[in-house]
Amino acid sequence: MSVDTAAGTIRELRTEIPGPKSRELHAARERAVSSGFGITSPVFIDHVEGSLLVDVDGNKLIDFASGIAVTSVGAANPKVAEAVAAQAKLATHTCFMVTEYQGFVDVCEKLNALTPGDFDKRSALFTSGAEAIENAVKIARAYTGRPAIVVLDHAYHGRTHMTMSMTAKNVPYKQSFGPFASEVYRTPNAYGFRWPSGRENAAAEALASLKEMVLTQIGAGNVACIVAEPIAGEGGFIAPEPGFLKGVQDFARDHGIVFIADEIQTGFARTGHMFASEFEGIEPDLITTAKALGGGMPISAVTGRTEIMNAAPVGGIGGTYAGNPVACAAALAAIEVIQEDDLVGRAKTIEGIAMPRLQGFVETSPYVGEARGRGAMLAIEFVSDDGITPNPDAAKKVAAHANSQGVLTLTCGTFGNVIRLLPPLVITDDELNEGLDVIEEAVRAL
């Protein structure tokens, strides 16, 4: 079956989505892979051309997902691919804790220089974002000698035992996996769109709630760290109202609490700054990175104040694959592309093209409550006729239409009612606009 696409379109749909070869491979997957792995679109990709995903049936899809904010420089960036190939010929692994290699040190030096904060820093490399968060907590506990961790509503920090405990949403991340780690406390995020007394009160009231919890319920002297995403990712691309995170940072410092910014999804040019913390001049004590850091290869990091980072006992942090040499080579190449091609500026351009169109959905559709985000990390939240009740069915319908028409789109949000846009930063204007056209068609059809 061939699906018609208009003349001049960038997408190329030779079959329905998913096509017959993808369906055949998906059936094999179901026979071989744990059903615990979810799937957004049962499409098997053969190769990537810039921001276009080419599946095994020859369909060309516009990528609005970037592997969940990983492939910011593209999923087959030539510089990254060349760096990976060159390093793989030299050594795929030695384990940095056994014998050292320069790539690990080079990545740490880059992170120390690029991350916010004009103070002496050290870095530690790991493999996944969740691993970075877990080690950041360990380091903060070692430094402070305190047990408690404070996190925010709508947070997502990972799928390990500790990070799952820190994550807010139950289904699918926590359901049936308890009991959870102790000494994790949750306080409201300054979610303006849904703040009961109005957006203008969100920052002050959310900060007051956090202070009350820390001071009266936990005891400031028991809190090792406060962990916050500058923009809540899986929780719905929620950018806290201005002043909230800066207030959290200042409060943490007043009480000897380590402030950790989870920039795993927001980092490395995604939001129109190298790091989202820069929007309010925040200088986290520790910052965690992953995703776009490796240009598609698995690598993560914790970077922060030297005195905090060096509090972990020798041998207390690490990992067999931590800072793998091939992944380090990919990270150095990805950072070079981000800097040389000014992908920070490109993210701002993407926002300038996309945000007015998304705001138009708010004005023309009763089912779009808010368009939000920064740079190339944008979202639309779907609501019911009353303008506020979450409408996950509408989000699912729009995403299903987009995916069937060759625009790979992800949903998110605590209530499952948000569509997030995470295009590669190398996407062209034409590709971006064509993808937005498809989403607009689906919104109009609601």
Protein backbone atom coordinates (compact mmCIF):
# COMPACT_ATOMS: atom_id res chain seq x y z
CA MET A 1 0.00 0.00 0.00
CA SER A 2 1.36 3.42 -0.94
CA VAL A 3 0.33 6.56 0.94
CA ASP A 4 0.00 9.72 -1.11
CA THR A 5 2.10 12.68 -0.06
CA ALA A 6 1.70 16.10 -1.62
CA ALA A 7 4.10 17.18 -4.31
CA GLY A 8 7.05 19.00 -2.84
CA THR A 9 6.77 17.43 0.60
CA ILE A 10 9.94 16.42 2.40
CA ARG A 11 8.35 13.32 3.87
CA GLU A 12 8.18 10.31 1.64
CA LEU A 13 5.54 7.74 2.53
CA ARG A 14 5.81 4.67 0.34
CA THR A 15 3.64 2.52 2.62
CA GLU A 16 1.29 2.99 5.51
CA ILE A 17 3.04 3.67 8.84
CA PRO A 18 4.18 1.21 10.05
CA GLY A 19 4.93 -0.57 6.80
CA PRO A 20 4.98 -4.32 6.17
CA LYS A 21 8.68 -4.81 6.91
CA SER A 22 8.38 -2.86 10.14
CA ARG A 23 5.35 -4.91 11.16
CA GLU A 24 7.26 -8.11 10.47
CA LEU A 25 10.22 -6.95 12.56
CA HIS A 26 7.89 -5.76 15.32
CA ALA A 27 6.36 -9.23 15.49
CA ALA A 28 9.87 -10.63 15.90
CA ARG A 29 10.51 -8.09 18.64
CA GLU A 30 7.43 -9.27 20.51
CA ARG A 31 8.78 -12.82 20.41
CA ALA A 32 12.25 -11.81 21.62
CA VAL A 33 12.05 -8.64 23.76
CA SER A 34 10.50 -8.09 27.18
CA SER A 35 7.07 -6.50 26.92
CA GLY A 36 8.17 -4.08 29.64
CA PHE A 37 9.73 -1.91 26.93
CA GLY A 38 7.18 0.58 25.62
CA ILE A 39 7.04 1.91 22.07
CA THR A 40 5.93 5.21 20.59
CA SER A 41 5.76 4.05 16.98
CA PRO A 42 6.44 0.45 15.86
CA VAL A 43 8.67 1.61 13.01
CA PHE A 44 12.10 0.10 12.41
CA ILE A 45 14.69 2.61 11.19
CA ASP A 46 17.23 1.65 8.55
CA HIS A 47 19.29 4.86 8.49
CA VAL A 48 19.11 8.60 9.11
CA GLU A 49 19.54 11.51 6.71
CA GLY A 50 20.01 14.69 8.72
CA SER A 51 16.68 15.10 10.51
CA LEU A 52 14.89 12.46 8.43
CA LEU A 53 14.45 8.92 9.68
CA VAL A 54 14.38 6.38 6.85
CA ASP A 55 12.62 3.18 7.85
CA VAL A 56 13.05 -0.34 6.50
CA ASP A 57 10.13 0.20 4.11
CA GLY A 58 11.76 3.26 2.55
CA ASN A 59 9.53 5.83 4.27
CA LYS A 60 11.18 9.11 5.19
CA LEU A 61 9.90 10.53 8.48
CA ILE A 62 10.48 13.97 10.01
CA ASP A 63 12.03 13.55 13.44
CA PHE A 64 10.44 15.63 16.22
CA ALA A 65 11.80 13.34 18.94
CA SER A 66 15.62 13.21 18.61
CA GLY A 67 15.67 9.92 20.49
CA ILE A 68 14.26 11.90 23.48
CA ALA A 69 16.60 14.89 23.11
CA VAL A 70 19.72 12.82 22.39
CA THR A 71 20.51 13.42 18.72
CA SER A 72 20.67 17.21 18.79
CA VAL A 73 23.49 17.17 16.21
CA GLY A 74 21.62 14.57 14.14
CA ALA A 75 21.52 10.81 14.51
CA ALA A 76 24.26 10.25 11.93
CA ASN A 77 26.39 13.34 12.25
CA PRO A 78 29.53 12.82 10.13
CA LYS A 79 31.94 14.25 12.71
CA VAL A 80 30.51 12.08 15.48
CA ALA A 81 30.54 8.99 13.25
CA GLU A 82 34.15 9.63 12.22
CA ALA A 83 35.25 10.11 15.82
CA VAL A 84 33.53 6.90 16.89
CA ALA A 85 35.09 4.91 14.06
CA ALA A 86 38.57 6.29 14.70
CA GLN A 87 38.45 5.54 18.42
CA ALA A 88 36.95 2.08 17.89
CA LYS A 89 40.00 1.16 15.82
CA LEU A 90 42.27 2.13 18.71
CA ALA A 91 40.37 0.70 21.69
CA THR A 92 36.72 0.12 22.49
CA HIS A 93 37.28 -0.30 26.22
CA THR A 94 39.88 -0.48 28.96
CA CYS A 95 37.88 0.81 31.98
CA PHE A 96 39.12 4.17 33.21
CA MET A 97 39.48 2.82 36.74
CA VAL A 98 41.97 0.21 35.48
CA THR A 99 44.03 2.07 32.88
CA GLU A 100 43.47 5.69 31.95
CA TYR A 101 42.94 7.38 28.56
CA GLN A 102 42.98 10.99 27.47
CA GLY A 103 39.43 11.18 26.10
CA PHE A 104 37.95 10.85 29.58
CA VAL A 105 40.05 13.75 30.85
CA ASP A 106 39.28 15.86 27.76
CA VAL A 107 35.52 15.48 28.26
CA CYS A 108 35.84 16.41 31.93
CA GLU A 109 37.84 19.51 31.04
CA LYS A 110 35.17 20.55 28.52
CA LEU A 111 32.40 20.08 31.08
CA ASN A 112 34.28 22.00 33.74
CA ALA A 113 34.69 24.91 31.33
CA LEU A 114 31.20 24.92 29.79
CA THR A 115 28.87 24.38 32.74
CA PRO A 116 27.56 27.39 34.67
CA GLY A 117 29.53 28.70 37.62
CA ASP A 118 32.76 30.67 37.91
CA PHE A 119 34.36 28.37 40.46
CA ASP A 120 36.80 25.48 40.44
CA LYS A 121 35.14 22.29 39.23
CA ARG A 122 35.65 18.59 38.79
CA SER A 123 33.65 16.10 36.71
CA ALA A 124 32.89 12.39 36.83
CA LEU A 125 31.67 10.42 33.80
CA PHE A 126 29.11 7.63 33.79
CA THR A 127 26.91 5.88 31.26
CA SER A 128 23.22 6.87 31.66
CA GLY A 129 21.33 9.88 32.93
CA ALA A 130 19.86 7.93 35.83
CA GLU A 131 23.35 6.80 36.80
CA ALA A 132 24.49 10.43 36.86
CA ILE A 133 21.59 11.45 39.11
CA GLU A 134 22.21 8.54 41.46
CA ASN A 135 25.89 9.44 41.76
CA ALA A 136 25.10 13.12 42.28
CA VAL A 137 22.96 12.11 45.26
CA LYS A 138 25.76 9.90 46.59
CA ILE A 139 28.25 12.73 46.27
CA ALA A 140 25.92 15.23 47.97
CA ARG A 141 25.34 12.82 50.85
CA ALA A 142 29.06 12.21 51.22
CA TYR A 143 29.76 15.95 51.27
CA THR A 144 27.03 16.94 53.72
CA GLY A 145 26.78 13.83 55.86
CA ARG A 146 22.99 14.19 55.54
CA PRO A 147 20.41 11.70 54.23
CA ALA A 148 17.38 13.57 52.82
CA ILE A 149 16.67 14.44 49.19
CA VAL A 150 14.11 17.05 48.09
CA VAL A 151 12.59 16.85 44.61
CA LEU A 152 9.73 18.59 42.78
CA ASP A 153 6.28 17.63 41.58
CA HIS A 154 6.18 16.49 37.95
CA ALA A 155 9.85 15.45 38.13
CA TYR A 156 11.39 12.64 36.13
CA HIS A 157 14.89 11.54 37.11
CA GLY A 158 15.20 7.95 35.83
CA ARG A 159 14.27 4.29 36.23
CA THR A 160 16.79 2.97 38.75
CA HIS A 161 15.59 2.35 42.30
CA MET A 162 16.75 5.72 43.63
CA THR A 163 15.81 7.79 40.58
CA MET A 164 12.46 6.01 40.27
CA SER A 165 11.82 7.01 43.87
CA MET A 166 12.65 10.61 42.94
CA THR A 167 10.36 10.53 39.89
CA ALA A 168 6.83 11.83 40.43
CA LYS A 169 4.68 9.91 37.94
CA ASN A 170 3.48 6.49 39.04
CA VAL A 171 2.37 4.82 35.78
CA PRO A 172 4.40 3.51 34.07
CA TYR A 173 7.58 4.37 35.96
CA LYS A 174 6.80 3.25 39.51
CA GLN A 175 3.75 1.01 39.39
CA SER A 176 4.48 -2.44 40.90
CA PHE A 177 8.17 -1.65 41.59
CA GLY A 178 7.98 -0.60 45.26
CA PRO A 179 8.97 -0.28 48.02
CA PHE A 180 10.90 2.82 47.15
CA ALA A 181 14.01 4.46 48.54
CA SER A 182 13.58 6.32 51.82
CA GLU A 183 14.35 9.95 52.62
CA VAL A 184 12.92 11.34 49.37
CA TYR A 185 10.59 14.30 49.86
CA ARG A 186 8.48 16.02 47.20
CA THR A 187 7.38 19.66 47.06
CA PRO A 188 5.35 21.65 44.47
CA ASN A 189 6.90 22.93 41.27
CA ALA A 190 6.01 26.47 40.16
CA TYR A 191 3.74 25.19 37.36
CA GLY A 192 2.14 28.46 36.29
CA PHE A 193 -0.55 27.09 34.02
CA ARG A 194 -1.99 24.90 36.79
CA TRP A 195 -1.18 26.97 39.89
CA PRO A 196 -4.41 27.24 41.94
CA SER A 197 -4.10 30.93 42.87
CA GLY A 198 -2.80 32.04 39.47
CA ARG A 199 0.45 32.11 37.54
CA GLU A 200 1.55 35.35 39.19
CA ASN A 201 1.65 33.64 42.59
CA ALA A 202 3.29 30.37 41.55
CA ALA A 203 6.95 31.19 42.15
CA ALA A 204 6.51 32.77 45.59
CA GLU A 205 4.03 30.22 46.88
CA ALA A 206 5.96 27.20 45.56
CA LEU A 207 9.13 28.53 47.15
CA ALA A 208 7.32 29.09 50.45
CA SER A 209 6.06 25.49 50.35
CA LEU A 210 9.58 24.17 49.76
CA LYS A 211 10.99 26.23 52.62
CA GLU A 212 8.26 25.10 54.99
CA MET A 213 8.85 21.45 54.14
CA VAL A 214 12.60 21.69 54.57
CA LEU A 215 12.51 23.75 57.75
CA THR A 216 9.58 22.20 59.59
CA GLN A 217 8.98 18.71 58.23
CA ILE A 218 12.47 17.46 57.40
CA GLY A 219 14.84 19.82 59.15
CA ALA A 220 17.35 21.72 57.05
CA GLY A 221 20.19 19.98 58.85
CA ASN A 222 18.98 16.65 57.49
CA VAL A 223 18.79 17.65 53.79
CA ALA A 224 21.71 16.65 51.58
CA CYS A 225 20.41 18.06 48.31
CA ILE A 226 17.58 19.63 46.38
CA VAL A 227 17.33 18.24 42.85
CA ALA A 228 15.46 20.17 40.15
CA GLU A 229 15.06 20.11 36.38
CA PRO A 230 15.30 23.67 34.98
CA ILE A 231 12.52 22.52 32.67
CA ALA A 232 10.60 19.44 33.81
CA GLY A 233 10.91 17.03 30.89
CA GLU A 234 8.72 13.96 31.16
CA GLY A 235 6.48 15.91 33.55
CA GLY A 236 5.27 18.09 30.68
CA PHE A 237 8.03 20.53 29.63
CA ILE A 238 7.21 22.76 32.57
CA ALA A 239 9.47 25.79 32.88
CA PRO A 240 9.04 26.94 36.49
CA GLU A 241 7.85 30.50 36.85
CA PRO A 242 10.71 33.05 36.95
CA GLY A 243 12.35 33.48 40.33
CA PHE A 244 11.46 30.07 41.72
CA LEU A 245 14.64 28.14 40.95
CA LYS A 246 16.87 31.10 41.81
CA GLY A 247 15.08 31.27 45.14
CA VAL A 248 15.57 27.54 45.67
CA GLN A 249 19.29 27.87 44.94
CA ASP A 250 19.70 30.77 47.37
CA PHE A 251 17.76 28.98 50.09
CA ALA A 252 19.84 25.84 49.63
CA ARG A 253 23.09 27.77 49.99
CA ASP A 254 21.84 29.52 53.12
CA HIS A 255 21.37 26.11 54.75
CA GLY A 256 24.36 24.16 53.47
CA ILE A 257 22.23 22.10 51.08
CA VAL A 258 23.67 21.00 47.73
CA PHE A 259 21.61 22.35 44.81
CA ILE A 260 21.63 19.90 41.88
CA ALA A 261 20.37 20.85 38.42
CA ASP A 262 19.21 17.88 36.35
CA GLU A 263 20.12 19.09 32.84
CA ILE A 264 20.03 15.66 31.28
CA GLN A 265 17.31 16.65 28.81
CA THR A 266 17.81 20.43 28.77
CA GLY A 267 21.59 20.54 28.37
CA PHE A 268 23.85 21.26 25.40
CA ALA A 269 22.03 23.96 23.44
CA ARG A 270 18.56 22.40 23.52
CA THR A 271 16.87 25.41 25.14
CA GLY A 272 18.69 28.23 23.37
CA HIS A 273 21.45 28.37 25.97
CA MET A 274 24.18 25.81 26.40
CA PHE A 275 22.42 24.96 29.69
CA ALA A 276 18.90 25.92 30.76
CA SER A 277 20.19 27.05 34.17
CA GLU A 278 21.66 30.08 32.40
CA PHE A 279 18.21 31.64 31.84
CA GLU A 280 18.08 32.90 35.42
CA GLY A 281 21.80 33.01 36.11
CA ILE A 282 21.64 29.87 38.23
CA GLU A 283 24.97 28.29 39.16
CA PRO A 284 24.20 24.78 40.44
CA ASP A 285 26.54 23.22 42.96
CA LEU A 286 26.29 20.05 40.88
CA ILE A 287 24.90 19.61 37.36
CA THR A 288 24.04 16.32 35.69
CA THR A 289 24.25 15.85 31.93
CA ALA A 290 23.69 13.03 29.43
CA LYS A 291 21.54 12.65 26.28
CA ALA A 292 22.90 15.25 23.81
CA LEU A 293 26.34 15.07 25.43
CA GLY A 294 27.22 11.91 23.51
CA GLY A 295 25.66 12.65 20.13
CA GLY A 296 23.89 9.29 20.34
CA MET A 297 26.48 7.32 22.31
CA PRO A 298 25.80 6.42 25.97
CA ILE A 299 27.64 8.81 28.28
CA SER A 300 26.64 10.96 31.24
CA ALA A 301 28.33 13.20 33.77
CA VAL A 302 28.21 14.94 37.11
CA THR A 303 30.05 18.26 37.22
CA GLY A 304 30.36 20.63 40.14
CA ARG A 305 32.26 22.39 42.85
CA THR A 306 35.59 20.72 43.51
CA GLU A 307 35.08 20.46 47.25
CA ILE A 308 31.77 18.66 46.74
CA MET A 309 32.91 16.40 43.91
CA ASN A 310 36.01 15.35 45.84
CA ALA A 311 33.99 14.39 48.92
CA ALA A 312 33.31 10.92 47.54
CA PRO A 313 35.82 8.41 48.90
CA VAL A 314 38.36 6.96 46.48
CA GLY A 315 36.67 4.06 44.69
CA GLY A 316 33.23 5.23 45.84
CA ILE A 317 32.11 6.32 42.39
CA GLY A 318 32.79 4.83 38.96
CA GLY A 319 31.51 2.01 36.81
CA THR A 320 32.80 -0.55 34.36
CA TYR A 321 31.64 1.40 31.31
CA ALA A 322 31.78 4.88 32.88
CA GLY A 323 33.20 7.31 30.31
CA ASN A 324 33.81 4.61 27.72
CA PRO A 325 36.53 5.77 25.27
CA VAL A 326 34.29 5.49 22.21
CA ALA A 327 31.55 7.47 23.96
CA CYS A 328 34.11 10.08 25.03
CA ALA A 329 35.23 10.49 21.42
CA ALA A 330 31.60 10.95 20.38
CA ALA A 331 31.04 13.52 23.14
CA LEU A 332 34.04 15.61 22.13
CA ALA A 333 32.86 15.59 18.51
CA ALA A 334 29.27 16.46 19.48
CA ILE A 335 30.39 19.38 21.63
CA GLU A 336 32.59 20.61 18.75
CA VAL A 337 29.62 20.52 16.37
CA ILE A 338 27.39 22.34 18.85
CA GLN A 339 29.94 25.11 19.25
CA GLU A 340 31.20 25.43 15.67
CA ASP A 341 27.72 25.31 14.10
CA ASP A 342 26.21 27.61 16.75
CA LEU A 343 23.43 25.21 17.66
CA VAL A 344 22.59 27.43 20.62
CA GLY A 345 21.61 30.07 18.10
CA ARG A 346 19.86 27.47 15.96
CA ALA A 347 17.70 26.43 18.92
CA LYS A 348 16.58 30.05 19.29
CA THR A 349 15.74 30.18 15.59
CA ILE A 350 13.67 26.99 15.92
CA GLU A 351 11.76 28.60 18.79
CA GLY A 352 11.20 31.71 16.71
CA ILE A 353 9.65 29.64 13.93
CA ALA A 354 7.70 27.13 16.00
CA MET A 355 6.43 29.05 19.02
CA PRO A 356 4.21 31.54 17.13
CA ARG A 357 2.56 28.61 15.37
CA LEU A 358 2.04 26.74 18.63
CA GLN A 359 0.62 29.89 20.23
CA GLY A 360 -1.76 30.04 17.30
CA PHE A 361 -3.13 26.66 18.34
CA VAL A 362 -4.00 28.14 21.74
CA GLU A 363 -5.91 30.94 20.06
CA THR A 364 -7.79 28.77 17.57
CA SER A 365 -8.43 25.50 19.41
CA PRO A 366 -10.41 25.10 22.64
CA TYR A 367 -8.40 21.94 23.30
CA VAL A 368 -4.97 23.56 23.50
CA GLY A 369 -4.53 25.19 26.90
CA GLU A 370 -0.95 26.35 26.65
CA ALA A 371 2.07 26.39 24.38
CA ARG A 372 5.37 26.59 26.26
CA GLY A 373 9.05 25.82 26.32
CA ARG A 374 12.36 27.30 25.29
CA GLY A 375 14.51 26.88 22.23
CA ALA A 376 13.89 23.52 20.60
CA MET A 377 12.24 22.09 23.73
CA LEU A 378 8.62 23.03 23.12
CA ALA A 379 5.23 21.61 24.04
CA ILE A 380 1.48 22.04 23.76
CA GLU A 381 -0.80 21.01 26.61
CA PHE A 382 -4.24 19.66 25.74
CA VAL A 383 -7.30 20.40 27.84
CA SER A 384 -11.03 19.74 27.81
CA ASP A 385 -13.77 22.25 27.01
CA ASP A 386 -13.36 23.92 30.41
CA GLY A 387 -9.86 25.04 29.44
CA ILE A 388 -8.04 23.36 32.33
CA THR A 389 -8.97 19.67 32.80
CA PRO A 390 -6.22 17.49 31.31
CA ASN A 391 -7.22 15.88 27.99
CA PRO A 392 -4.88 12.95 27.31
CA ASP A 393 -7.18 11.59 24.59
CA ALA A 394 -6.64 14.72 22.49
CA ALA A 395 -2.88 14.43 22.87
CA LYS A 396 -3.00 10.78 21.84
CA LYS A 397 -5.11 11.58 18.77
CA VAL A 398 -2.79 14.35 17.60
CA ALA A 399 0.31 12.22 18.18
CA ALA A 400 -1.24 9.22 16.41
CA HIS A 401 -2.15 11.34 13.39
CA ALA A 402 1.31 12.90 13.22
CA ASN A 403 3.06 9.53 13.51
CA SER A 404 0.82 7.99 10.85
CA GLN A 405 1.66 10.89 8.53
CA GLY A 406 5.41 10.57 8.96
CA VAL A 407 6.13 13.06 11.75
CA LEU A 408 7.57 11.27 14.77
CA THR A 409 6.11 12.95 17.84
CA LEU A 410 6.18 12.13 21.56
CA THR A 411 3.63 12.66 24.30
CA CYS A 412 4.53 13.40 27.92
CA GLY A 413 3.17 15.04 31.04
CA THR A 414 2.08 13.80 34.43
CA PHE A 415 -1.46 13.58 33.01
CA GLY A 416 -0.37 12.30 29.59
CA ASN A 417 -1.88 15.36 27.92
CA VAL A 418 1.19 17.06 26.46
CA ILE A 419 2.86 16.71 23.07
CA ARG A 420 6.55 17.59 23.19
CA LEU A 421 8.61 18.78 20.26
CA LEU A 422 12.30 17.86 20.35
CA PRO A 423 13.58 18.21 16.79
CA PRO A 424 17.28 17.78 16.09
CA LEU A 425 18.92 21.17 16.20
CA VAL A 426 20.12 20.55 12.66
CA ILE A 427 16.56 20.36 11.31
CA THR A 428 15.92 22.68 8.34
CA ASP A 429 13.27 25.38 8.37
CA ASP A 430 11.31 23.53 5.70
CA GLU A 431 11.38 20.26 7.62
CA LEU A 432 10.28 22.04 10.80
CA ASN A 433 7.40 23.83 9.10
CA GLU A 434 6.21 20.70 7.32
CA GLY A 435 6.13 18.81 10.60
CA LEU A 436 4.20 21.65 12.23
CA ASP A 437 1.75 21.61 9.31
CA VAL A 438 0.93 17.98 10.10
CA ILE A 439 0.43 18.71 13.79
CA GLU A 440 -1.79 21.68 12.91
CA GLU A 441 -3.95 19.42 10.72
CA ALA A 442 -4.45 17.08 13.65
CA VAL A 443 -5.28 19.88 16.09
CA ARG A 444 -7.87 21.31 13.72
CA ALA A 445 -9.50 17.88 13.41
CA LEU A 446 -10.13 17.52 17.16
